[in-house]
């Protein structure tokens, strides 16, 4: 049999950013039978070039509304590196907003995105 062992999750109370984190519910493990399993591997952004003051307690990058990394003129970030784990749609939207600012940056244009 091909399948995946899963566990039910519940959400914590909102943190300082308003996000609720999923946590496993002990004793709720179960096996879901499948034809195929495509594993997803978690990733973390490479932030060794940034000072610790730019990182949040969760290890994400602090940015201004434009996606400009706080304290680093002309350095932009978006997606999970800024928000933490999210949906593909949210990450793509974040990337598009930051891309508009990156494109306008050489011209010195301030945009509301």
PDB file of N, CA and C in Angstrom:
ATOM      1  N   UNK A   1       0.829  -1.178   0.000  1.00  0.00           N
ATOM      2  CA  UNK A   1       0.000   0.000   0.000  1.00  0.00           C
ATOM      3  C   UNK A   1       0.879   1.249   0.000  1.00  0.00           C
ATOM      4  N   UNK A   2       0.460   2.250  -0.765  1.00  0.00           N
ATOM      5  CA  UNK A   2       1.136   3.538  -0.774  1.00  0.00           C
ATOM      6  C   UNK A   2       0.269   4.524  -0.023  1.00  0.00           C
ATOM      7  N   UNK A   3       0.894   5.319   0.808  1.00  0.00           N
ATOM      8  CA  UNK A   3       0.109   6.286   1.559  1.00  0.00           C
ATOM      9  C   UNK A   3       0.994   7.214   2.343  1.00  0.00           C
ATOM     10  N   UNK A   4       0.331   7.997   3.151  1.00  0.00           N
ATOM     11  CA  UNK A   4       1.045   8.964   3.983  1.00  0.00           C
ATOM     12  C   UNK A   4       0.459   8.929   5.383  1.00  0.00           C
ATOM     13  N   UNK A   5       1.330   8.971   6.373  1.00  0.00           N
ATOM     14  CA  UNK A   5       0.857   9.082   7.745  1.00  0.00           C
ATOM     15  C   UNK A   5       0.612  10.555   8.029  1.00  0.00           C
ATOM     16  N   UNK A   6      -0.586  10.867   8.465  1.00  0.00           N
ATOM     17  CA  UNK A   6      -0.982  12.246   8.722  1.00  0.00           C
ATOM     18  C   UNK A   6      -1.332  12.426  10.186  1.00  0.00           C
ATOM     19  N   UNK A   7      -1.430  13.666  10.606  1.00  0.00           N
ATOM     20  CA  UNK A   7      -1.839  13.974  11.973  1.00  0.00           C
ATOM     21  C   UNK A   7      -2.745  15.201  11.904  1.00  0.00           C
ATOM     22  N   UNK A   8      -3.794  15.187  12.674  1.00  0.00           N
ATOM     23  CA  UNK A   8      -4.699  16.348  12.719  1.00  0.00           C
ATOM     24  C   UNK A   8      -3.990  17.509  13.402  1.00  0.00           C
ATOM     25  N   UNK A   9      -4.350  18.707  12.992  1.00  0.00           N
ATOM     26  CA  UNK A   9      -3.722  19.916  13.517  1.00  0.00           C
ATOM     27  C   UNK A   9      -4.795  20.842  14.094  1.00  0.00           C
ATOM     28  N   UNK A  10      -4.365  21.700  15.011  1.00  0.00           N
ATOM     29  CA  UNK A  10      -5.247  22.762  15.503  1.00  0.00           C
ATOM     30  C   UNK A  10      -4.446  24.055  15.463  1.00  0.00           C
ATOM     31  N   UNK A  11      -5.137  25.177  15.546  1.00  0.00           N
ATOM     32  CA  UNK A  11      -4.470  26.466  15.468  1.00  0.00           C
ATOM     33  C   UNK A  11      -4.275  27.067  16.849  1.00  0.00           C
ATOM     34  N   UNK A  12      -3.125  27.679  17.059  1.00  0.00           N
ATOM     35  CA  UNK A  12      -2.831  28.354  18.326  1.00  0.00           C
ATOM     36  C   UNK A  12      -3.571  29.691  18.356  1.00  0.00           C
ATOM     37  N   UNK A  13      -3.481  30.354  19.477  1.00  0.00           N
ATOM     38  CA  UNK A  13      -4.017  31.707  19.540  1.00  0.00           C
ATOM     39  C   UNK A  13      -3.124  32.603  18.677  1.00  0.00           C
ATOM     40  N   UNK A  14      -3.649  33.696  18.147  1.00  0.00           N
ATOM     41  CA  UNK A  14      -2.847  34.565  17.272  1.00  0.00           C
ATOM     42  C   UNK A  14      -1.606  35.102  17.981  1.00  0.00           C
ATOM     43  N   UNK A  15      -0.487  35.170  17.230  1.00  0.00           N
ATOM     44  CA  UNK A  15       0.743  35.744  17.778  1.00  0.00           C
ATOM     45  C   UNK A  15       0.716  37.261  17.577  1.00  0.00           C
ATOM     46  N   UNK A  16       1.866  37.921  17.790  1.00  0.00           N
ATOM     47  CA  UNK A  16       1.919  39.384  17.707  1.00  0.00           C
ATOM     48  C   UNK A  16       1.602  39.915  16.311  1.00  0.00           C
ATOM     49  N   UNK A  17       1.726  39.069  15.281  1.00  0.00           N
ATOM     50  CA  UNK A  17       1.411  39.494  13.913  1.00  0.00           C
ATOM     51  C   UNK A  17      -0.026  39.160  13.537  1.00  0.00           C
ATOM     52  N   UNK A  18      -0.728  38.468  14.433  1.00  0.00           N
ATOM     53  CA  UNK A  18      -2.108  38.082  14.134  1.00  0.00           C
ATOM     54  C   UNK A  18      -2.234  36.699  13.518  1.00  0.00           C
ATOM     55  N   UNK A  19      -1.100  36.055  13.246  1.00  0.00           N
ATOM     56  CA  UNK A  19      -1.141  34.709  12.633  1.00  0.00           C
ATOM     57  C   UNK A  19      -1.348  33.639  13.684  1.00  0.00           C
ATOM     58  N   UNK A  20      -2.111  32.641  13.314  1.00  0.00           N
ATOM     59  CA  UNK A  20      -2.297  31.467  14.153  1.00  0.00           C
ATOM     60  C   UNK A  20      -1.474  30.345  13.556  1.00  0.00           C
ATOM     61  N   UNK A  21      -0.671  29.685  14.384  1.00  0.00           N
ATOM     62  CA  UNK A  21       0.201  28.616  13.899  1.00  0.00           C
ATOM     63  C   UNK A  21      -0.460  27.255  14.094  1.00  0.00           C
ATOM     64  N   UNK A  22      -0.283  26.359  13.123  1.00  0.00           N
ATOM     65  CA  UNK A  22      -0.803  25.004  13.295  1.00  0.00           C
ATOM     66  C   UNK A  22       0.091  24.196  14.234  1.00  0.00           C
ATOM     67  N   UNK A  23      -0.523  23.406  15.117  1.00  0.00           N
ATOM     68  CA  UNK A  23       0.218  22.508  16.004  1.00  0.00           C
ATOM     69  C   UNK A  23      -0.452  21.135  15.963  1.00  0.00           C
ATOM     70  N   UNK A  24       0.326  20.060  16.052  1.00  0.00           N
ATOM     71  CA  UNK A  24      -0.248  18.713  15.997  1.00  0.00           C
ATOM     72  C   UNK A  24      -1.140  18.428  17.213  1.00  0.00           C
ATOM     73  N   UNK A  25      -2.217  17.691  16.962  1.00  0.00           N
ATOM     74  CA  UNK A  25      -3.088  17.237  18.045  1.00  0.00           C
ATOM     75  C   UNK A  25      -2.619  15.826  18.406  1.00  0.00           C
ATOM     76  N   UNK A  26      -2.098  15.672  19.605  1.00  0.00           N
ATOM     77  CA  UNK A  26      -1.517  14.413  20.046  1.00  0.00           C
ATOM     78  C   UNK A  26      -2.526  13.265  19.952  1.00  0.00           C
ATOM     79  N   UNK A  27      -2.065  12.127  19.420  1.00  0.00           N
ATOM     80  CA  UNK A  27      -2.889  10.928  19.349  1.00  0.00           C
ATOM     81  C   UNK A  27      -3.852  10.875  18.176  1.00  0.00           C
ATOM     82  N   UNK A  28      -3.708  11.792  17.196  1.00  0.00           N
ATOM     83  CA  UNK A  28      -4.644  11.809  16.072  1.00  0.00           C
ATOM     84  C   UNK A  28      -4.015  11.321  14.770  1.00  0.00           C
ATOM     85  N   UNK A  29      -2.898  10.614  14.857  1.00  0.00           N
ATOM     86  CA  UNK A  29      -2.226  10.128  13.662  1.00  0.00           C
ATOM     87  C   UNK A  29      -3.113   9.115  12.939  1.00  0.00           C
ATOM     88  N   UNK A  30      -3.060   9.151  11.584  1.00  0.00           N
ATOM     89  CA  UNK A  30      -3.802   8.174  10.792  1.00  0.00           C
ATOM     90  C   UNK A  30      -3.115   8.001   9.453  1.00  0.00           C
ATOM     91  N   UNK A  31      -3.396   6.880   8.785  1.00  0.00           N
ATOM     92  CA  UNK A  31      -2.788   6.594   7.496  1.00  0.00           C
ATOM     93  C   UNK A  31      -3.814   6.870   6.404  1.00  0.00           C
ATOM     94  N   UNK A  32      -3.430   7.661   5.424  1.00  0.00           N
ATOM     95  CA  UNK A  32      -4.276   7.970   4.275  1.00  0.00           C
ATOM     96  C   UNK A  32      -3.725   7.209   3.080  1.00  0.00           C
ATOM     97  N   UNK A  33      -4.524   6.305   2.526  1.00  0.00           N
ATOM     98  CA  UNK A  33      -4.090   5.524   1.376  1.00  0.00           C
ATOM     99  C   UNK A  33      -4.101   6.412   0.139  1.00  0.00           C
ATOM    100  N   UNK A  34      -3.049   6.300  -0.682  1.00  0.00           N
ATOM    101  CA  UNK A  34      -2.931   7.100  -1.895  1.00  0.00           C
ATOM    102  C   UNK A  34      -2.345   6.268  -3.015  1.00  0.00           C
ATOM    103  N   UNK A  35      -2.471   6.756  -4.228  1.00  0.00           N
ATOM    104  CA  UNK A  35      -1.804   6.111  -5.352  1.00  0.00           C
ATOM    105  C   UNK A  35      -0.367   6.597  -5.462  1.00  0.00           C
ATOM    106  N   UNK A  36      -0.144   7.865  -5.103  1.00  0.00           N
ATOM    107  CA  UNK A  36       1.195   8.467  -5.151  1.00  0.00           C
ATOM    108  C   UNK A  36       1.358   9.422  -3.988  1.00  0.00           C
ATOM    109  N   UNK A  37       2.594   9.598  -3.578  1.00  0.00           N
ATOM    110  CA  UNK A  37       2.930  10.594  -2.568  1.00  0.00           C
ATOM    111  C   UNK A  37       4.021  11.475  -3.157  1.00  0.00           C
ATOM    112  N   UNK A  38       3.771  12.782  -3.169  1.00  0.00           N
ATOM    113  CA  UNK A  38       4.774  13.734  -3.643  1.00  0.00           C
ATOM    114  C   UNK A  38       5.207  14.541  -2.424  1.00  0.00           C
ATOM    115  N   UNK A  39       6.397  14.254  -1.910  1.00  0.00           N
ATOM    116  CA  UNK A  39       6.829  14.964  -0.692  1.00  0.00           C
ATOM    117  C   UNK A  39       7.183  16.417  -0.979  1.00  0.00           C
ATOM    118  N   UNK A  40       6.912  17.272  -0.031  1.00  0.00           N
ATOM    119  CA  UNK A  40       7.323  18.670  -0.098  1.00  0.00           C
ATOM    120  C   UNK A  40       8.393  18.898   0.953  1.00  0.00           C
ATOM    121  N   UNK A  41       9.448  19.573   0.591  1.00  0.00           N
ATOM    122  CA  UNK A  41      10.556  19.792   1.502  1.00  0.00           C
ATOM    123  C   UNK A  41      10.523  21.242   1.961  1.00  0.00           C
ATOM    124  N   UNK A  42      10.510  21.451   3.279  1.00  0.00           N
ATOM    125  CA  UNK A  42      10.527  22.807   3.809  1.00  0.00           C
ATOM    126  C   UNK A  42      11.848  23.493   3.502  1.00  0.00           C
ATOM    127  N   UNK A  43      11.782  24.790   3.297  1.00  0.00           N
ATOM    128  CA  UNK A  43      12.987  25.560   2.985  1.00  0.00           C
ATOM    129  C   UNK A  43      13.024  26.806   3.844  1.00  0.00           C
ATOM    130  N   UNK A  44      14.198  27.332   4.015  1.00  0.00           N
ATOM    131  CA  UNK A  44      14.390  28.588   4.744  1.00  0.00           C
ATOM    132  C   UNK A  44      15.195  29.521   3.853  1.00  0.00           C
ATOM    133  N   UNK A  45      14.930  30.818   3.959  1.00  0.00           N
ATOM    134  CA  UNK A  45      15.693  31.759   3.128  1.00  0.00           C
ATOM    135  C   UNK A  45      17.145  31.851   3.584  1.00  0.00           C
ATOM    136  N   UNK A  46      18.028  32.147   2.662  1.00  0.00           N
ATOM    137  CA  UNK A  46      19.447  32.368   2.968  1.00  0.00           C
ATOM    138  C   UNK A  46      19.575  33.810   3.449  1.00  0.00           C
ATOM    139  N   UNK A  47      19.828  34.004   4.730  1.00  0.00           N
ATOM    140  CA  UNK A  47      19.858  35.347   5.311  1.00  0.00           C
ATOM    141  C   UNK A  47      21.192  35.669   5.982  1.00  0.00           C
ATOM    142  N   UNK A  48      22.220  34.880   5.712  1.00  0.00           N
ATOM    143  CA  UNK A  48      23.495  35.075   6.394  1.00  0.00           C
ATOM    144  C   UNK A  48      24.124  36.434   6.085  1.00  0.00           C
ATOM    145  N   UNK A  49      23.754  37.055   4.971  1.00  0.00           N
ATOM    146  CA  UNK A  49      24.319  38.349   4.607  1.00  0.00           C
ATOM    147  C   UNK A  49      23.621  39.510   5.320  1.00  0.00           C
ATOM    148  N   UNK A  50      22.526  39.233   6.020  1.00  0.00           N
ATOM    149  CA  UNK A  50      21.770  40.272   6.728  1.00  0.00           C
ATOM    150  C   UNK A  50      22.163  40.318   8.202  1.00  0.00           C
ATOM    151  N   UNK A  51      22.066  41.494   8.780  1.00  0.00           N
ATOM    152  CA  UNK A  51      22.299  41.619  10.217  1.00  0.00           C
ATOM    153  C   UNK A  51      21.096  41.045  10.963  1.00  0.00           C
ATOM    154  N   UNK A  52      21.336  40.527  12.150  1.00  0.00           N
ATOM    155  CA  UNK A  52      20.266  39.922  12.943  1.00  0.00           C
ATOM    156  C   UNK A  52      19.121  40.885  13.215  1.00  0.00           C
ATOM    157  N   UNK A  53      19.394  42.173  13.261  1.00  0.00           N
ATOM    158  CA  UNK A  53      18.354  43.159  13.565  1.00  0.00           C
ATOM    159  C   UNK A  53      17.288  43.231  12.476  1.00  0.00           C
ATOM    160  N   UNK A  54      17.588  42.705  11.299  1.00  0.00           N
ATOM    161  CA  UNK A  54      16.640  42.729  10.184  1.00  0.00           C
ATOM    162  C   UNK A  54      15.687  41.531  10.242  1.00  0.00           C
ATOM    163  N   UNK A  55      16.010  40.554  11.077  1.00  0.00           N
ATOM    164  CA  UNK A  55      15.202  39.336  11.141  1.00  0.00           C
ATOM    165  C   UNK A  55      14.208  39.405  12.292  1.00  0.00           C
ATOM    166  N   UNK A  56      13.025  38.842  12.050  1.00  0.00           N
ATOM    167  CA  UNK A  56      12.015  38.763  13.103  1.00  0.00           C
ATOM    168  C   UNK A  56      12.347  37.602  14.036  1.00  0.00           C
ATOM    169  N   UNK A  57      11.592  37.476  15.110  1.00  0.00           N
ATOM    170  CA  UNK A  57      11.774  36.354  16.037  1.00  0.00           C
ATOM    171  C   UNK A  57      11.533  35.017  15.344  1.00  0.00           C
ATOM    172  N   UNK A  58      10.749  35.029  14.264  1.00  0.00           N
ATOM    173  CA  UNK A  58      10.422  33.802  13.524  1.00  0.00           C
ATOM    174  C   UNK A  58      11.427  33.505  12.419  1.00  0.00           C
ATOM    175  N   UNK A  59      12.447  34.388  12.273  1.00  0.00           N
ATOM    176  CA  UNK A  59      13.470  34.164  11.251  1.00  0.00           C
ATOM    177  C   UNK A  59      13.101  34.708   9.887  1.00  0.00           C
ATOM    178  N   UNK A  60      11.997  35.469   9.797  1.00  0.00           N
ATOM    179  CA  UNK A  60      11.619  36.073   8.529  1.00  0.00           C
ATOM    180  C   UNK A  60      12.287  37.436   8.400  1.00  0.00           C
ATOM    181  N   UNK A  61      12.301  37.963   7.183  1.00  0.00           N
ATOM    182  CA  UNK A  61      12.971  39.232   6.901  1.00  0.00           C
ATOM    183  C   UNK A  61      11.989  40.386   7.110  1.00  0.00           C
ATOM    184  N   UNK A  62      12.400  41.378   7.877  1.00  0.00           N
ATOM    185  CA  UNK A  62      11.570  42.571   8.087  1.00  0.00           C
ATOM    186  C   UNK A  62      11.719  43.496   6.890  1.00  0.00           C
ATOM    187  N   UNK A  63      10.581  43.885   6.308  1.00  0.00           N
ATOM    188  CA  UNK A  63      10.574  44.756   5.136  1.00  0.00           C
ATOM    189  C   UNK A  63       9.627  45.915   5.342  1.00  0.00           C
ATOM    190  N   UNK A  64       9.879  46.963   4.562  1.00  0.00           N
ATOM    191  CA  UNK A  64       8.943  48.072   4.487  1.00  0.00           C
ATOM    192  C   UNK A  64       7.795  47.623   3.585  1.00  0.00           C
ATOM    193  N   UNK A  65       6.748  48.400   3.492  1.00  0.00           N
ATOM    194  CA  UNK A  65       5.605  48.049   2.656  1.00  0.00           C
ATOM    195  C   UNK A  65       5.958  47.803   1.203  1.00  0.00           C
ATOM    196  N   UNK A  66       7.066  48.382   0.749  1.00  0.00           N
ATOM    197  CA  UNK A  66       7.495  48.230  -0.642  1.00  0.00           C
ATOM    198  C   UNK A  66       8.226  46.919  -0.887  1.00  0.00           C
ATOM    199  N   UNK A  67       8.514  46.177   0.178  1.00  0.00           N
ATOM    200  CA  UNK A  67       9.323  44.975   0.038  1.00  0.00           C
ATOM    201  C   UNK A  67      10.801  45.250   0.213  1.00  0.00           C
ATOM    202  N   UNK A  68      11.152  46.537   0.393  1.00  0.00           N
ATOM    203  CA  UNK A  68      12.557  46.901   0.626  1.00  0.00           C
ATOM    204  C   UNK A  68      12.955  46.392   2.014  1.00  0.00           C
ATOM    205  N   UNK A  69      14.029  45.628   2.081  1.00  0.00           N
ATOM    206  CA  UNK A  69      14.498  45.087   3.353  1.00  0.00           C
ATOM    207  C   UNK A  69      14.885  46.250   4.259  1.00  0.00           C
ATOM    208  N   UNK A  70      14.337  46.259   5.460  1.00  0.00           N
ATOM    209  CA  UNK A  70      14.568  47.342   6.411  1.00  0.00           C
ATOM    210  C   UNK A  70      16.060  47.562   6.635  1.00  0.00           C
ATOM    211  N   UNK A  71      16.521  48.799   6.361  1.00  0.00           N
ATOM    212  CA  UNK A  71      17.919  49.146   6.574  1.00  0.00           C
ATOM    213  C   UNK A  71      18.848  48.795   5.431  1.00  0.00           C
ATOM    214  N   UNK A  72      18.329  48.233   4.345  1.00  0.00           N
ATOM    215  CA  UNK A  72      19.153  47.854   3.194  1.00  0.00           C
ATOM    216  C   UNK A  72      18.562  48.482   1.936  1.00  0.00           C
ATOM    217  N   UNK A  73      18.989  49.667   1.629  1.00  0.00           N
ATOM    218  CA  UNK A  73      18.490  50.391   0.461  1.00  0.00           C
ATOM    219  C   UNK A  73      18.718  49.577  -0.812  1.00  0.00           C
ATOM    220  N   UNK A  74      17.656  49.376  -1.594  1.00  0.00           N
ATOM    221  CA  UNK A  74      17.765  48.667  -2.867  1.00  0.00           C
ATOM    222  C   UNK A  74      17.771  47.159  -2.759  1.00  0.00           C
ATOM    223  N   UNK A  75      17.554  46.601  -1.568  1.00  0.00           N
ATOM    224  CA  UNK A  75      17.468  45.145  -1.382  1.00  0.00           C
ATOM    225  C   UNK A  75      16.022  44.819  -1.066  1.00  0.00           C
ATOM    226  N   UNK A  76      15.418  43.945  -1.868  1.00  0.00           N
ATOM    227  CA  UNK A  76      14.006  43.625  -1.734  1.00  0.00           C
ATOM    228  C   UNK A  76      13.809  42.157  -1.394  1.00  0.00           C
ATOM    229  N   UNK A  77      12.716  41.853  -0.728  1.00  0.00           N
ATOM    230  CA  UNK A  77      12.365  40.468  -0.394  1.00  0.00           C
ATOM    231  C   UNK A  77      10.854  40.330  -0.476  1.00  0.00           C
ATOM    232  N   UNK A  78      10.391  39.108  -0.642  1.00  0.00           N
ATOM    233  CA  UNK A  78       8.954  38.860  -0.749  1.00  0.00           C
ATOM    234  C   UNK A  78       8.665  37.403  -0.434  1.00  0.00           C
ATOM    235  N   UNK A  79       7.397  37.058  -0.430  1.00  0.00           N
ATOM    236  CA  UNK A  79       6.971  35.680  -0.251  1.00  0.00           C
ATOM    237  C   UNK A  79       7.225  35.156   1.146  1.00  0.00           C
ATOM    238  N   UNK A  80       7.470  33.855   1.239  1.00  0.00           N
ATOM    239  CA  UNK A  80       7.655  33.187   2.524  1.00  0.00           C
ATOM    240  C   UNK A  80       8.845  33.735   3.306  1.00  0.00           C
ATOM    241  N   UNK A  81       9.830  34.302   2.616  1.00  0.00           N
ATOM    242  CA  UNK A  81      10.994  34.870   3.309  1.00  0.00           C
ATOM    243  C   UNK A  81      10.580  36.042   4.188  1.00  0.00           C
ATOM    244  N   UNK A  82       9.455  36.687   3.841  1.00  0.00           N
ATOM    245  CA  UNK A  82       8.956  37.835   4.593  1.00  0.00           C
ATOM    246  C   UNK A  82       7.793  37.442   5.507  1.00  0.00           C
ATOM    247  N   UNK A  83       6.862  36.661   4.984  1.00  0.00           N
ATOM    248  CA  UNK A  83       5.640  36.341   5.735  1.00  0.00           C
ATOM    249  C   UNK A  83       5.736  35.065   6.552  1.00  0.00           C
ATOM    250  N   UNK A  84       6.678  34.208   6.222  1.00  0.00           N
ATOM    251  CA  UNK A  84       6.692  32.867   6.780  1.00  0.00           C
ATOM    252  C   UNK A  84       5.852  31.976   5.883  1.00  0.00           C
ATOM    253  N   UNK A  85       5.716  30.706   6.210  1.00  0.00           N
ATOM    254  CA  UNK A  85       4.968  29.790   5.353  1.00  0.00           C
ATOM    255  C   UNK A  85       3.570  30.320   5.039  1.00  0.00           C
ATOM    256  N   UNK A  86       3.218  30.245   3.783  1.00  0.00           N
ATOM    257  CA  UNK A  86       1.942  30.771   3.317  1.00  0.00           C
ATOM    258  C   UNK A  86       1.489  29.967   2.115  1.00  0.00           C
ATOM    259  N   UNK A  87       0.455  30.436   1.455  1.00  0.00           N
ATOM    260  CA  UNK A  87      -0.005  29.744   0.254  1.00  0.00           C
ATOM    261  C   UNK A  87       0.803  30.200  -0.951  1.00  0.00           C
ATOM    262  N   UNK A  88       0.750  29.411  -2.012  1.00  0.00           N
ATOM    263  CA  UNK A  88       1.433  29.775  -3.249  1.00  0.00           C
ATOM    264  C   UNK A  88       0.857  31.078  -3.797  1.00  0.00           C
ATOM    265  N   UNK A  89      -0.452  31.236  -3.711  1.00  0.00           N
ATOM    266  CA  UNK A  89      -1.100  32.445  -4.220  1.00  0.00           C
ATOM    267  C   UNK A  89      -0.612  33.678  -3.461  1.00  0.00           C
ATOM    268  N   UNK A  90      -0.538  33.589  -2.135  1.00  0.00           N
ATOM    269  CA  UNK A  90      -0.066  34.727  -1.340  1.00  0.00           C
ATOM    270  C   UNK A  90       1.393  35.040  -1.640  1.00  0.00           C
ATOM    271  N   UNK A  91       2.215  34.018  -1.790  1.00  0.00           N
ATOM    272  CA  UNK A  91       3.630  34.235  -2.100  1.00  0.00           C
ATOM    273  C   UNK A  91       3.794  34.878  -3.469  1.00  0.00           C
ATOM    274  N   UNK A  92       3.029  34.413  -4.465  1.00  0.00           N
ATOM    275  CA  UNK A  92       3.111  34.991  -5.805  1.00  0.00           C
ATOM    276  C   UNK A  92       2.654  36.444  -5.804  1.00  0.00           C
ATOM    277  N   UNK A  93       1.573  36.743  -5.075  1.00  0.00           N
ATOM    278  CA  UNK A  93       1.080  38.121  -4.995  1.00  0.00           C
ATOM    279  C   UNK A  93       2.123  39.024  -4.331  1.00  0.00           C
ATOM    280  N   UNK A  94       2.760  38.535  -3.287  1.00  0.00           N
ATOM    281  CA  UNK A  94       3.802  39.290  -2.606  1.00  0.00           C
ATOM    282  C   UNK A  94       4.968  39.564  -3.555  1.00  0.00           C
ATOM    283  N   UNK A  95       5.348  38.567  -4.323  1.00  0.00           N
ATOM    284  CA  UNK A  95       6.427  38.721  -5.299  1.00  0.00           C
ATOM    285  C   UNK A  95       6.094  39.741  -6.373  1.00  0.00           C
ATOM    286  N   UNK A  96       4.835  39.719  -6.829  1.00  0.00           N
ATOM    287  CA  UNK A  96       4.419  40.686  -7.850  1.00  0.00           C
ATOM    288  C   UNK A  96       4.448  42.113  -7.303  1.00  0.00           C
ATOM    289  N   UNK A  97       3.991  42.297  -6.048  1.00  0.00           N
ATOM    290  CA  UNK A  97       4.026  43.634  -5.440  1.00  0.00           C
ATOM    291  C   UNK A  97       5.470  44.125  -5.322  1.00  0.00           C
ATOM    292  N   UNK A  98       6.342  43.259  -4.835  1.00  0.00           N
ATOM    293  CA  UNK A  98       7.751  43.644  -4.687  1.00  0.00           C
ATOM    294  C   UNK A  98       8.375  43.919  -6.057  1.00  0.00           C
ATOM    295  N   UNK A  99       8.015  43.136  -7.072  1.00  0.00           N
ATOM    296  CA  UNK A  99       8.570  43.331  -8.414  1.00  0.00           C
ATOM    297  C   UNK A  99       8.220  44.708  -8.965  1.00  0.00           C
ATOM    298  N   UNK A 100       7.008  45.200  -8.679  1.00  0.00           N
ATOM    299  CA  UNK A 100       6.635  46.547  -9.127  1.00  0.00           C
ATOM    300  C   UNK A 100       7.563  47.591  -8.491  1.00  0.00           C
ATOM    301  N   UNK A 101       7.898  47.395  -7.222  1.00  0.00           N
ATOM    302  CA  UNK A 101       8.797  48.326  -6.538  1.00  0.00           C
ATOM    303  C   UNK A 101      10.227  48.194  -7.057  1.00  0.00           C
ATOM    304  N   UNK A 102      10.660  46.989  -7.330  1.00  0.00           N
ATOM    305  CA  UNK A 102      12.002  46.772  -7.875  1.00  0.00           C
ATOM    306  C   UNK A 102      12.110  47.478  -9.229  1.00  0.00           C
ATOM    307  N   UNK A 103      11.090  47.325 -10.039  1.00  0.00           N
ATOM    308  CA  UNK A 103      11.098  47.945 -11.368  1.00  0.00           C
ATOM    309  C   UNK A 103      11.133  49.472 -11.273  1.00  0.00           C
ATOM    310  N   UNK A 104      10.416  50.032 -10.319  1.00  0.00           N
ATOM    311  CA  UNK A 104      10.365  51.486 -10.160  1.00  0.00           C
ATOM    312  C   UNK A 104      11.590  52.039  -9.430  1.00  0.00           C
ATOM    313  N   UNK A 105      12.304  51.208  -8.719  1.00  0.00           N
ATOM    314  CA  UNK A 105      13.416  51.656  -7.869  1.00  0.00           C
ATOM    315  C   UNK A 105      14.480  52.484  -8.610  1.00  0.00           C
ATOM    316  N   UNK A 106      14.979  52.041  -9.775  1.00  0.00           N
ATOM    317  CA  UNK A 106      16.011  52.838 -10.438  1.00  0.00           C
ATOM    318  C   UNK A 106      15.543  54.240 -10.833  1.00  0.00           C
ATOM    319  N   UNK A 107      14.249  54.395 -11.009  1.00  0.00           N
ATOM    320  CA  UNK A 107      13.695  55.693 -11.402  1.00  0.00           C
ATOM    321  C   UNK A 107      13.381  56.554 -10.193  1.00  0.00           C
ATOM    322  N   UNK A 108      13.490  55.988  -8.983  1.00  0.00           N
ATOM    323  CA  UNK A 108      13.201  56.739  -7.774  1.00  0.00           C
ATOM    324  C   UNK A 108      11.712  56.991  -7.595  1.00  0.00           C
ATOM    325  N   UNK A 109      10.892  56.167  -8.205  1.00  0.00           N
ATOM    326  CA  UNK A 109       9.441  56.340  -8.134  1.00  0.00           C
ATOM    327  C   UNK A 109       8.900  55.620  -6.899  1.00  0.00           C
ATOM    328  N   UNK A 110       8.098  56.282  -6.102  1.00  0.00           N
ATOM    329  CA  UNK A 110       7.426  55.648  -4.971  1.00  0.00           C
ATOM    330  C   UNK A 110       6.050  55.216  -5.447  1.00  0.00           C
ATOM    331  N   UNK A 111       5.730  53.948  -5.277  1.00  0.00           N
ATOM    332  CA  UNK A 111       4.443  53.436  -5.725  1.00  0.00           C
ATOM    333  C   UNK A 111       3.684  52.829  -4.566  1.00  0.00           C
ATOM    334  N   UNK A 112       2.393  52.940  -4.634  1.00  0.00           N
ATOM    335  CA  UNK A 112       1.524  52.220  -3.711  1.00  0.00           C
ATOM    336  C   UNK A 112       1.130  50.941  -4.408  1.00  0.00           C
ATOM    337  N   UNK A 113       1.493  49.805  -3.859  1.00  0.00           N
ATOM    338  CA  UNK A 113       1.187  48.517  -4.504  1.00  0.00           C
ATOM    339  C   UNK A 113       0.310  47.694  -3.619  1.00  0.00           C
TER     340      UNK A 113
END
